Amino acid sequence: MYLSGPMTGIENLNREAFMLAAVALRGAGYTVVCPHELNVDQQGLSWHAYMKRDVQALAGCDGVALLPNWESSRGAVIEARLARDLRMETHTVAEWVTGRGGA
């Protein structure tokens, strides 16, 4: 499960929301790929470099969990569109955690 959501322009790149969502998804039994965990050793890269790394990680997952307000994020919109084009299940974090995401 790849975790996607807004980062740019949000304090601490929205790390708290990502980490709380990762904990909730893992508690529901999912294996989670979180961009903040992927990029911990890659500080200061360009947006494009982060996206290339994140899209590679997304492609190895079975589904995508979307944080609230994901539609406001250029990167999350790209990730959600790619996941849907690849016929991956894509739902909000809440839908996955409550079982309403089809899992």
PDB file of N, CA and C in Angstrom:
ATOM      1  N   MET A   1       0.849  -1.168   0.000  1.00  0.00           N
ATOM      2  CA  MET A   1       0.000   0.000   0.000  1.00  0.00           C
ATOM      3  C   MET A   1       0.896   1.232   0.000  1.00  0.00           C
ATOM      4  N   TYR A   2       0.712   2.086  -0.993  1.00  0.00           N
ATOM      5  CA  TYR A   2       1.469   3.329  -1.079  1.00  0.00           C
ATOM      6  C   TYR A   2       0.629   4.452  -0.470  1.00  0.00           C
ATOM      7  N   LEU A   3       1.238   5.270   0.349  1.00  0.00           N
ATOM      8  CA  LEU A   3       0.550   6.365   1.019  1.00  0.00           C
ATOM      9  C   LEU A   3       0.835   7.667   0.276  1.00  0.00           C
ATOM     10  N   SER A   4      -0.221   8.335  -0.161  1.00  0.00           N
ATOM     11  CA  SER A   4      -0.089   9.532  -0.981  1.00  0.00           C
ATOM     12  C   SER A   4      -0.871  10.693  -0.377  1.00  0.00           C
ATOM     13  N   GLY A   5      -0.306  11.889  -0.480  1.00  0.00           N
ATOM     14  CA  GLY A   5      -1.003  13.064   0.028  1.00  0.00           C
ATOM     15  C   GLY A   5      -0.175  14.311  -0.162  1.00  0.00           C
ATOM     16  N   PRO A   6      -0.719  15.441   0.264  1.00  0.00           N
ATOM     17  CA  PRO A   6      -0.028  16.718   0.077  1.00  0.00           C
ATOM     18  C   PRO A   6       1.156  16.891   1.019  1.00  0.00           C
ATOM     19  N   MET A   7       2.216  17.499   0.503  1.00  0.00           N
ATOM     20  CA  MET A   7       3.397  17.825   1.301  1.00  0.00           C
ATOM     21  C   MET A   7       3.812  19.277   1.112  1.00  0.00           C
ATOM     22  N   THR A   8       3.946  19.691  -0.134  1.00  0.00           N
ATOM     23  CA  THR A   8       4.462  21.011  -0.466  1.00  0.00           C
ATOM     24  C   THR A   8       3.607  22.109   0.162  1.00  0.00           C
ATOM     25  N   GLY A   9       4.277  23.024   0.835  1.00  0.00           N
ATOM     26  CA  GLY A   9       3.594  24.160   1.438  1.00  0.00           C
ATOM     27  C   GLY A   9       2.967  23.872   2.786  1.00  0.00           C
ATOM     28  N   ILE A  10       3.131  22.655   3.300  1.00  0.00           N
ATOM     29  CA  ILE A  10       2.581  22.278   4.596  1.00  0.00           C
ATOM     30  C   ILE A  10       3.737  22.138   5.585  1.00  0.00           C
ATOM     31  N   GLU A  11       3.532  22.627   6.801  1.00  0.00           N
ATOM     32  CA  GLU A  11       4.574  22.570   7.821  1.00  0.00           C
ATOM     33  C   GLU A  11       5.137  21.156   7.948  1.00  0.00           C
ATOM     34  N   ASN A  12       6.466  21.063   7.972  1.00  0.00           N
ATOM     35  CA  ASN A  12       7.179  19.796   8.119  1.00  0.00           C
ATOM     36  C   ASN A  12       6.764  18.791   7.039  1.00  0.00           C
ATOM     37  N   LEU A  13       6.362  19.323   5.887  1.00  0.00           N
ATOM     38  CA  LEU A  13       5.946  18.501   4.738  1.00  0.00           C
ATOM     39  C   LEU A  13       4.828  17.509   5.081  1.00  0.00           C
ATOM     40  N   ASN A  14       3.991  17.891   6.039  1.00  0.00           N
ATOM     41  CA  ASN A  14       2.830  17.084   6.421  1.00  0.00           C
ATOM     42  C   ASN A  14       3.234  15.724   7.016  1.00  0.00           C
ATOM     43  N   ARG A  15       4.434  15.683   7.562  1.00  0.00           N
ATOM     44  CA  ARG A  15       4.983  14.433   8.102  1.00  0.00           C
ATOM     45  C   ARG A  15       4.066  13.793   9.153  1.00  0.00           C
ATOM     46  N   GLU A  16       3.507  14.604  10.045  1.00  0.00           N
ATOM     47  CA  GLU A  16       2.666  14.045  11.110  1.00  0.00           C
ATOM     48  C   GLU A  16       1.461  13.302  10.529  1.00  0.00           C
ATOM     49  N   ALA A  17       0.802  13.891   9.550  1.00  0.00           N
ATOM     50  CA  ALA A  17      -0.365  13.232   8.943  1.00  0.00           C
ATOM     51  C   ALA A  17       0.033  11.937   8.246  1.00  0.00           C
ATOM     52  N   PHE A  18       1.165  11.956   7.557  1.00  0.00           N
ATOM     53  CA  PHE A  18       1.643  10.737   6.894  1.00  0.00           C
ATOM     54  C   PHE A  18       1.946   9.647   7.908  1.00  0.00           C
ATOM     55  N   MET A  19       2.628  10.004   8.981  1.00  0.00           N
ATOM     56  CA  MET A  19       3.026   8.998   9.961  1.00  0.00           C
ATOM     57  C   MET A  19       1.817   8.442  10.713  1.00  0.00           C
ATOM     58  N   LEU A  20       0.852   9.297  11.058  1.00  0.00           N
ATOM     59  CA  LEU A  20      -0.367   8.817  11.717  1.00  0.00           C
ATOM     60  C   LEU A  20      -1.145   7.883  10.798  1.00  0.00           C
ATOM     61  N   ALA A  21      -1.223   8.234   9.515  1.00  0.00           N
ATOM     62  CA  ALA A  21      -1.923   7.371   8.554  1.00  0.00           C
ATOM     63  C   ALA A  21      -1.196   6.039   8.392  1.00  0.00           C
ATOM     64  N   ALA A  22       0.126   6.074   8.354  1.00  0.00           N
ATOM     65  CA  ALA A  22       0.900   4.842   8.224  1.00  0.00           C
ATOM     66  C   ALA A  22       0.652   3.923   9.417  1.00  0.00           C
ATOM     67  N   VAL A  23       0.618   4.490  10.607  1.00  0.00           N
ATOM     68  CA  VAL A  23       0.346   3.699  11.819  1.00  0.00           C
ATOM     69  C   VAL A  23      -1.051   3.076  11.743  1.00  0.00           C
ATOM     70  N   ALA A  24      -2.041   3.862  11.336  1.00  0.00           N
ATOM     71  CA  ALA A  24      -3.416   3.359  11.246  1.00  0.00           C
ATOM     72  C   ALA A  24      -3.527   2.241  10.207  1.00  0.00           C
ATOM     73  N   LEU A  25      -2.904   2.429   9.063  1.00  0.00           N
ATOM     74  CA  LEU A  25      -2.959   1.405   8.013  1.00  0.00           C
ATOM     75  C   LEU A  25      -2.235   0.135   8.443  1.00  0.00           C
ATOM     76  N   ARG A  26      -1.087   0.294   9.075  1.00  0.00           N
ATOM     77  CA  ARG A  26      -0.359  -0.883   9.561  1.00  0.00           C
ATOM     78  C   ARG A  26      -1.161  -1.594  10.646  1.00  0.00           C
ATOM     79  N   GLY A  27      -1.853  -0.827  11.485  1.00  0.00           N
ATOM     80  CA  GLY A  27      -2.711  -1.421  12.505  1.00  0.00           C
ATOM     81  C   GLY A  27      -3.867  -2.203  11.912  1.00  0.00           C
ATOM     82  N   ALA A  28      -4.272  -1.825  10.703  1.00  0.00           N
ATOM     83  CA  ALA A  28      -5.350  -2.537  10.006  1.00  0.00           C
ATOM     84  C   ALA A  28      -4.809  -3.719   9.200  1.00  0.00           C
ATOM     85  N   GLY A  29      -3.490  -3.940   9.278  1.00  0.00           N
ATOM     86  CA  GLY A  29      -2.906  -5.120   8.648  1.00  0.00           C
ATOM     87  C   GLY A  29      -2.222  -4.896   7.316  1.00  0.00           C
ATOM     88  N   TYR A  30      -2.092  -3.667   6.885  1.00  0.00           N
ATOM     89  CA  TYR A  30      -1.467  -3.383   5.595  1.00  0.00           C
ATOM     90  C   TYR A  30       0.033  -3.163   5.733  1.00  0.00           C
ATOM     91  N   THR A  31       0.763  -3.528   4.699  1.00  0.00           N
ATOM     92  CA  THR A  31       2.165  -3.168   4.564  1.00  0.00           C
ATOM     93  C   THR A  31       2.175  -1.816   3.863  1.00  0.00           C
ATOM     94  N   VAL A  32       2.825  -0.836   4.451  1.00  0.00           N
ATOM     95  CA  VAL A  32       2.737   0.540   3.963  1.00  0.00           C
ATOM     96  C   VAL A  32       4.094   1.043   3.473  1.00  0.00           C
ATOM     97  N   VAL A  33       4.061   1.673   2.306  1.00  0.00           N
ATOM     98  CA  VAL A  33       5.211   2.397   1.782  1.00  0.00           C
ATOM     99  C   VAL A  33       4.881   3.876   1.933  1.00  0.00           C
ATOM    100  N   CYS A  34       5.624   4.544   2.804  1.00  0.00           N
ATOM    101  CA  CYS A  34       5.390   5.956   3.110  1.00  0.00           C
ATOM    102  C   CYS A  34       6.523   6.802   2.520  1.00  0.00           C
ATOM    103  N   PRO A  35       6.204   7.805   1.703  1.00  0.00           N
ATOM    104  CA  PRO A  35       7.250   8.630   1.102  1.00  0.00           C
ATOM    105  C   PRO A  35       8.210   9.245   2.118  1.00  0.00           C
ATOM    106  N   HIS A  36       7.721   9.614   3.285  1.00  0.00           N
ATOM    107  CA  HIS A  36       8.606  10.193   4.291  1.00  0.00           C
ATOM    108  C   HIS A  36       9.636   9.179   4.769  1.00  0.00           C
ATOM    109  N   GLU A  37       9.293   7.930   4.793  1.00  0.00           N
ATOM    110  CA  GLU A  37      10.245   6.894   5.190  1.00  0.00           C
ATOM    111  C   GLU A  37      11.208   6.568   4.048  1.00  0.00           C
ATOM    112  N   LEU A  38      10.741   6.658   2.819  1.00  0.00           N
ATOM    113  CA  LEU A  38      11.594   6.408   1.652  1.00  0.00           C
ATOM    114  C   LEU A  38      12.680   7.457   1.509  1.00  0.00           C
ATOM    115  N   ASN A  39      12.313   8.687   1.768  1.00  0.00           N
ATOM    116  CA  ASN A  39      13.184   9.815   1.446  1.00  0.00           C
ATOM    117  C   ASN A  39      13.959  10.355   2.633  1.00  0.00           C
ATOM    118  N   VAL A  40      14.001   9.609   3.720  1.00  0.00           N
ATOM    119  CA  VAL A  40      14.629  10.101   4.946  1.00  0.00           C
ATOM    120  C   VAL A  40      16.113  10.428   4.741  1.00  0.00           C
ATOM    121  N   ASP A  41      16.789   9.702   3.877  1.00  0.00           N
ATOM    122  CA  ASP A  41      18.219   9.930   3.649  1.00  0.00           C
ATOM    123  C   ASP A  41      18.481  10.802   2.423  1.00  0.00           C
ATOM    124  N   GLN A  42      17.435  11.366   1.852  1.00  0.00           N
ATOM    125  CA  GLN A  42      17.562  12.136   0.617  1.00  0.00           C
ATOM    126  C   GLN A  42      17.073  13.568   0.807  1.00  0.00           C
ATOM    127  N   GLN A  43      17.647  14.288   1.698  1.00  0.00           N
ATOM    128  CA  GLN A  43      17.238  15.664   1.970  1.00  0.00           C
ATOM    129  C   GLN A  43      17.738  16.605   0.869  1.00  0.00           C
ATOM    130  N   GLY A  44      16.914  17.582   0.517  1.00  0.00           N
ATOM    131  CA  GLY A  44      17.342  18.624  -0.391  1.00  0.00           C
ATOM    132  C   GLY A  44      17.250  18.309  -1.873  1.00  0.00           C
ATOM    133  N   LEU A  45      16.601  17.226  -2.243  1.00  0.00           N
ATOM    134  CA  LEU A  45      16.428  16.918  -3.661  1.00  0.00           C
ATOM    135  C   LEU A  45      15.341  17.812  -4.255  1.00  0.00           C
ATOM    136  N   SER A  46      15.288  17.857  -5.560  1.00  0.00           N
ATOM    137  CA  SER A  46      14.231  18.611  -6.232  1.00  0.00           C
ATOM    138  C   SER A  46      12.910  17.846  -6.147  1.00  0.00           C
ATOM    139  N   TRP A  47      11.807  18.565  -6.353  1.00  0.00           N
ATOM    140  CA  TRP A  47      10.482  17.928  -6.381  1.00  0.00           C
ATOM    141  C   TRP A  47      10.482  16.790  -7.395  1.00  0.00           C
ATOM    142  N   HIS A  48      11.082  17.025  -8.556  1.00  0.00           N
ATOM    143  CA  HIS A  48      11.109  16.011  -9.608  1.00  0.00           C
ATOM    144  C   HIS A  48      11.860  14.756  -9.162  1.00  0.00           C
ATOM    145  N   ALA A  49      12.967  14.930  -8.484  1.00  0.00           N
ATOM    146  CA  ALA A  49      13.743  13.780  -8.014  1.00  0.00           C
ATOM    147  C   ALA A  49      12.950  12.966  -6.991  1.00  0.00           C
ATOM    148  N   TYR A  50      12.277  13.657  -6.066  1.00  0.00           N
ATOM    149  CA  TYR A  50      11.435  12.945  -5.098  1.00  0.00           C
ATOM    150  C   TYR A  50      10.316  12.188  -5.811  1.00  0.00           C
ATOM    151  N   MET A  51       9.676  12.833  -6.777  1.00  0.00           N
ATOM    152  CA  MET A  51       8.571  12.182  -7.491  1.00  0.00           C
ATOM    153  C   MET A  51       9.043  10.942  -8.247  1.00  0.00           C
ATOM    154  N   LYS A  52      10.205  11.009  -8.872  1.00  0.00           N
ATOM    155  CA  LYS A  52      10.721   9.842  -9.589  1.00  0.00           C
ATOM    156  C   LYS A  52      10.919   8.674  -8.635  1.00  0.00           C
ATOM    157  N   ARG A  53      11.485   8.952  -7.485  1.00  0.00           N
ATOM    158  CA  ARG A  53      11.712   7.894  -6.495  1.00  0.00           C
ATOM    159  C   ARG A  53      10.377   7.362  -5.964  1.00  0.00           C
ATOM    160  N   ASP A  54       9.450   8.258  -5.688  1.00  0.00           N
ATOM    161  CA  ASP A  54       8.163   7.858  -5.131  1.00  0.00           C
ATOM    162  C   ASP A  54       7.328   7.066  -6.135  1.00  0.00           C
ATOM    163  N   VAL A  55       7.352   7.462  -7.402  1.00  0.00           N
ATOM    164  CA  VAL A  55       6.589   6.733  -8.425  1.00  0.00           C
ATOM    165  C   VAL A  55       7.134   5.316  -8.598  1.00  0.00           C
ATOM    166  N   GLN A  56       8.443   5.157  -8.499  1.00  0.00           N
ATOM    167  CA  GLN A  56       9.021   3.808  -8.552  1.00  0.00           C
ATOM    168  C   GLN A  56       8.494   2.953  -7.401  1.00  0.00           C
ATOM    169  N   ALA A  57       8.430   3.537  -6.223  1.00  0.00           N
ATOM    170  CA  ALA A  57       7.920   2.811  -5.059  1.00  0.00           C
ATOM    171  C   ALA A  57       6.441   2.490  -5.224  1.00  0.00           C
ATOM    172  N   LEU A  58       5.671   3.440  -5.703  1.00  0.00           N
ATOM    173  CA  LEU A  58       4.236   3.240  -5.923  1.00  0.00           C
ATOM    174  C   LEU A  58       4.001   2.066  -6.867  1.00  0.00           C
ATOM    175  N   ALA A  59       4.788   1.980  -7.934  1.00  0.00           N
ATOM    176  CA  ALA A  59       4.595   0.937  -8.936  1.00  0.00           C
ATOM    177  C   ALA A  59       4.769  -0.467  -8.354  1.00  0.00           C
ATOM    178  N   GLY A  60       5.473  -0.596  -7.252  1.00  0.00           N
ATOM    179  CA  GLY A  60       5.664  -1.890  -6.621  1.00  0.00           C
ATOM    180  C   GLY A  60       4.587  -2.261  -5.621  1.00  0.00           C
ATOM    181  N   CYS A  61       3.583  -1.407  -5.469  1.00  0.00           N
ATOM    182  CA  CYS A  61       2.516  -1.638  -4.490  1.00  0.00           C
ATOM    183  C   CYS A  61       1.253  -2.167  -5.163  1.00  0.00           C
ATOM    184  N   ASP A  62       0.341  -2.671  -4.335  1.00  0.00           N
ATOM    185  CA  ASP A  62      -0.935  -3.188  -4.840  1.00  0.00           C
ATOM    186  C   ASP A  62      -2.054  -2.163  -4.785  1.00  0.00           C
ATOM    187  N   GLY A  63      -1.894  -1.124  -3.981  1.00  0.00           N
ATOM    188  CA  GLY A  63      -2.946  -0.123  -3.832  1.00  0.00           C
ATOM    189  C   GLY A  63      -2.379   1.183  -3.325  1.00  0.00           C
ATOM    190  N   VAL A  64      -3.232   2.210  -3.334  1.00  0.00           N
ATOM    191  CA  VAL A  64      -2.832   3.532  -2.872  1.00  0.00           C
ATOM    192  C   VAL A  64      -3.847   4.031  -1.857  1.00  0.00           C
ATOM    193  N   ALA A  65      -3.342   4.551  -0.747  1.00  0.00           N
ATOM    194  CA  ALA A  65      -4.163   5.181   0.283  1.00  0.00           C
ATOM    195  C   ALA A  65      -3.932   6.677   0.214  1.00  0.00           C
ATOM    196  N   LEU A  66      -5.022   7.426   0.088  1.00  0.00           N
ATOM    197  CA  LEU A  66      -4.950   8.870  -0.091  1.00  0.00           C
ATOM    198  C   LEU A  66      -5.287   9.611   1.199  1.00  0.00           C
ATOM    199  N   LEU A  67      -4.410  10.532   1.585  1.00  0.00           N
ATOM    200  CA  LEU A  67      -4.658  11.391   2.739  1.00  0.00           C
ATOM    201  C   LEU A  67      -5.723  12.431   2.401  1.00  0.00           C
ATOM    202  N   PRO A  68      -6.353  13.013   3.431  1.00  0.00           N
ATOM    203  CA  PRO A  68      -7.288  14.112   3.176  1.00  0.00           C
ATOM    204  C   PRO A  68      -6.613  15.232   2.380  1.00  0.00           C
ATOM    205  N   ASN A  69      -7.389  15.901   1.571  1.00  0.00           N
ATOM    206  CA  ASN A  69      -6.929  17.019   0.742  1.00  0.00           C
ATOM    207  C   ASN A  69      -5.899  16.619  -0.306  1.00  0.00           C
ATOM    208  N   TRP A  70      -5.851  15.351  -0.663  1.00  0.00           N
ATOM    209  CA  TRP A  70      -4.888  14.901  -1.665  1.00  0.00           C
ATOM    210  C   TRP A  70      -5.076  15.609  -3.002  1.00  0.00           C
ATOM    211  N   GLU A  71      -6.310  16.031  -3.293  1.00  0.00           N
ATOM    212  CA  GLU A  71      -6.593  16.678  -4.565  1.00  0.00           C
ATOM    213  C   GLU A  71      -5.872  18.026  -4.710  1.00  0.00           C
ATOM    214  N   SER A  72      -5.416  18.594  -3.595  1.00  0.00           N
ATOM    215  CA  SER A  72      -4.719  19.878  -3.640  1.00  0.00           C
ATOM    216  C   SER A  72      -3.233  19.723  -3.944  1.00  0.00           C
ATOM    217  N   SER A  73      -2.775  18.499  -4.064  1.00  0.00           N
ATOM    218  CA  SER A  73      -1.358  18.217  -4.252  1.00  0.00           C
ATOM    219  C   SER A  73      -1.086  17.759  -5.684  1.00  0.00           C
ATOM    220  N   ARG A  74      -0.212  18.486  -6.369  1.00  0.00           N
ATOM    221  CA  ARG A  74       0.153  18.092  -7.737  1.00  0.00           C
ATOM    222  C   ARG A  74       0.719  16.673  -7.759  1.00  0.00           C
ATOM    223  N   GLY A  75       1.597  16.355  -6.816  1.00  0.00           N
ATOM    224  CA  GLY A  75       2.194  15.027  -6.777  1.00  0.00           C
ATOM    225  C   GLY A  75       1.184  13.928  -6.476  1.00  0.00           C
ATOM    226  N   ALA A  76       0.312  14.157  -5.507  1.00  0.00           N
ATOM    227  CA  ALA A  76      -0.688  13.148  -5.157  1.00  0.00           C
ATOM    228  C   ALA A  76      -1.674  12.924  -6.296  1.00  0.00           C
ATOM    229  N   VAL A  77      -2.026  13.982  -7.020  1.00  0.00           N
ATOM    230  CA  VAL A  77      -2.914  13.824  -8.180  1.00  0.00           C
ATOM    231  C   VAL A  77      -2.244  12.946  -9.234  1.00  0.00           C
ATOM    232  N   ILE A  78      -0.968  13.182  -9.477  1.00  0.00           N
ATOM    233  CA  ILE A  78      -0.212  12.352 -10.428  1.00  0.00           C
ATOM    234  C   ILE A  78      -0.183  10.906  -9.948  1.00  0.00           C
ATOM    235  N   GLU A  79       0.113  10.703  -8.660  1.00  0.00           N
ATOM    236  CA  GLU A  79       0.181   9.343  -8.107  1.00  0.00           C
ATOM    237  C   GLU A  79      -1.161   8.633  -8.195  1.00  0.00           C
ATOM    238  N   ALA A  80      -2.242   9.332  -7.864  1.00  0.00           N
ATOM    239  CA  ALA A  80      -3.579   8.715  -7.925  1.00  0.00           C
ATOM    240  C   ALA A  80      -3.947   8.371  -9.359  1.00  0.00           C
ATOM    241  N   ARG A  81      -3.661   9.261 -10.281  1.00  0.00           N
ATOM    242  CA  ARG A  81      -3.974   8.995 -11.696  1.00  0.00           C
ATOM    243  C   ARG A  81      -3.169   7.808 -12.207  1.00  0.00           C
ATOM    244  N   LEU A  82      -1.887   7.758 -11.882  1.00  0.00           N
ATOM    245  CA  LEU A  82      -1.050   6.641 -12.310  1.00  0.00           C
ATOM    246  C   LEU A  82      -1.567   5.328 -11.733  1.00  0.00           C
ATOM    247  N   ALA A  83      -1.892   5.342 -10.451  1.00  0.00           N
ATOM    248  CA  ALA A  83      -2.400   4.122  -9.809  1.00  0.00           C
ATOM    249  C   ALA A  83      -3.681   3.644 -10.490  1.00  0.00           C
ATOM    250  N   ARG A  84      -4.577   4.546 -10.761  1.00  0.00           N
ATOM    251  CA  ARG A  84      -5.834   4.159 -11.434  1.00  0.00           C
ATOM    252  C   ARG A  84      -5.563   3.650 -12.844  1.00  0.00           C
ATOM    253  N   ASP A  85      -4.649   4.304 -13.560  1.00  0.00           N
ATOM    254  CA  ASP A  85      -4.296   3.851 -14.903  1.00  0.00           C
ATOM    255  C   ASP A  85      -3.678   2.458 -14.882  1.00  0.00           C
ATOM    256  N   LEU A  86      -2.984   2.142 -13.794  1.00  0.00           N
ATOM    257  CA  LEU A  86      -2.378   0.817 -13.626  1.00  0.00           C
ATOM    258  C   LEU A  86      -3.351  -0.188 -12.997  1.00  0.00           C
ATOM    259  N   ARG A  87      -4.599   0.243 -12.828  1.00  0.00           N
ATOM    260  CA  ARG A  87      -5.677  -0.576 -12.260  1.00  0.00           C
ATOM    261  C   ARG A  87      -5.380  -1.058 -10.837  1.00  0.00           C
ATOM    262  N   MET A  88      -4.788  -0.141 -10.080  1.00  0.00           N
ATOM    263  CA  MET A  88      -4.537  -0.398  -8.664  1.00  0.00           C
ATOM    264  C   MET A  88      -5.724   0.144  -7.875  1.00  0.00           C
ATOM    265  N   GLU A  89      -6.081  -0.520  -6.790  1.00  0.00           N
ATOM    266  CA  GLU A  89      -7.139   0.011  -5.929  1.00  0.00           C
ATOM    267  C   GLU A  89      -6.649   1.296  -5.283  1.00  0.00           C
ATOM    268  N   THR A  90      -7.493   2.319  -5.324  1.00  0.00           N
ATOM    269  CA  THR A  90      -7.153   3.626  -4.792  1.00  0.00           C
ATOM    270  C   THR A  90      -8.328   4.121  -3.967  1.00  0.00           C
ATOM    271  N   HIS A  91      -8.089   4.315  -2.662  1.00  0.00           N
ATOM    272  CA  HIS A  91      -9.126   4.766  -1.741  1.00  0.00           C
ATOM    273  C   HIS A  91      -8.502   5.695  -0.710  1.00  0.00           C
ATOM    274  N   THR A  92      -9.338   6.368   0.042  1.00  0.00           N
ATOM    275  CA  THR A  92      -8.821   7.205   1.120  1.00  0.00           C
ATOM    276  C   THR A  92      -8.273   6.307   2.231  1.00  0.00           C
ATOM    277  N   VAL A  93      -7.446   6.888   3.058  1.00  0.00           N
ATOM    278  CA  VAL A  93      -6.925   6.157   4.215  1.00  0.00           C
ATOM    279  C   VAL A  93      -8.089   5.627   5.057  1.00  0.00           C
ATOM    280  N   ALA A  94      -9.073   6.484   5.318  1.00  0.00           N
ATOM    281  CA  ALA A  94     -10.224   6.077   6.138  1.00  0.00           C
ATOM    282  C   ALA A  94     -10.962   4.889   5.532  1.00  0.00           C
ATOM    283  N   GLU A  95     -11.125   4.878   4.227  1.00  0.00           N
ATOM    284  CA  GLU A  95     -11.810   3.756   3.567  1.00  0.00           C
ATOM    285  C   GLU A  95     -11.017   2.457   3.725  1.00  0.00           C
ATOM    286  N   TRP A  96      -9.703   2.530   3.556  1.00  0.00           N
ATOM    287  CA  TRP A  96      -8.881   1.333   3.741  1.00  0.00           C
ATOM    288  C   TRP A  96      -8.964   0.834   5.189  1.00  0.00           C
ATOM    289  N   VAL A  97      -8.835   1.752   6.150  1.00  0.00           N
ATOM    290  CA  VAL A  97      -8.790   1.367   7.562  1.00  0.00           C
ATOM    291  C   VAL A  97     -10.111   0.761   8.029  1.00  0.00           C
ATOM    292  N   THR A  98     -11.229   1.299   7.528  1.00  0.00           N
ATOM    293  CA  THR A  98     -12.545   0.793   7.959  1.00  0.00           C
ATOM    294  C   THR A  98     -13.020  -0.385   7.131  1.00  0.00           C
ATOM    295  N   GLY A  99     -12.246  -0.759   6.124  1.00  0.00           N
ATOM    296  CA  GLY A  99     -12.645  -1.893   5.291  1.00  0.00           C
ATOM    297  C   GLY A  99     -13.604  -1.530   4.180  1.00  0.00           C
ATOM    298  N   ARG A 100     -13.886  -0.254   4.009  1.00  0.00           N
ATOM    299  CA  ARG A 100     -14.794   0.164   2.933  1.00  0.00           C
ATOM    300  C   ARG A 100     -14.057   0.393   1.641  1.00  0.00           C
ATOM    301  N   GLY A 101     -12.754   0.091   1.624  1.00  0.00           N
ATOM    302  CA  GLY A 101     -11.950   0.306   0.427  1.00  0.00           C
ATOM    303  C   GLY A 101     -11.863  -0.907  -0.471  1.00  0.00           C
ATOM    304  N   GLY A 102     -12.634  -1.913  -0.180  1.00  0.00           N
ATOM    305  CA  GLY A 102     -12.625  -3.092  -1.026  1.00  0.00           C
ATOM    306  C   GLY A 102     -11.587  -4.119  -0.650  1.00  0.00           C
ATOM    307  N   ALA A 103     -10.861  -3.874   0.423  1.00  0.00           N
ATOM    308  CA  ALA A 103      -9.820  -4.828   0.824  1.00  0.00           C
ATOM    309  C   ALA A 103     -10.388  -5.936   1.671  1.00  0.00           C
TER     310      ALA A 103
END
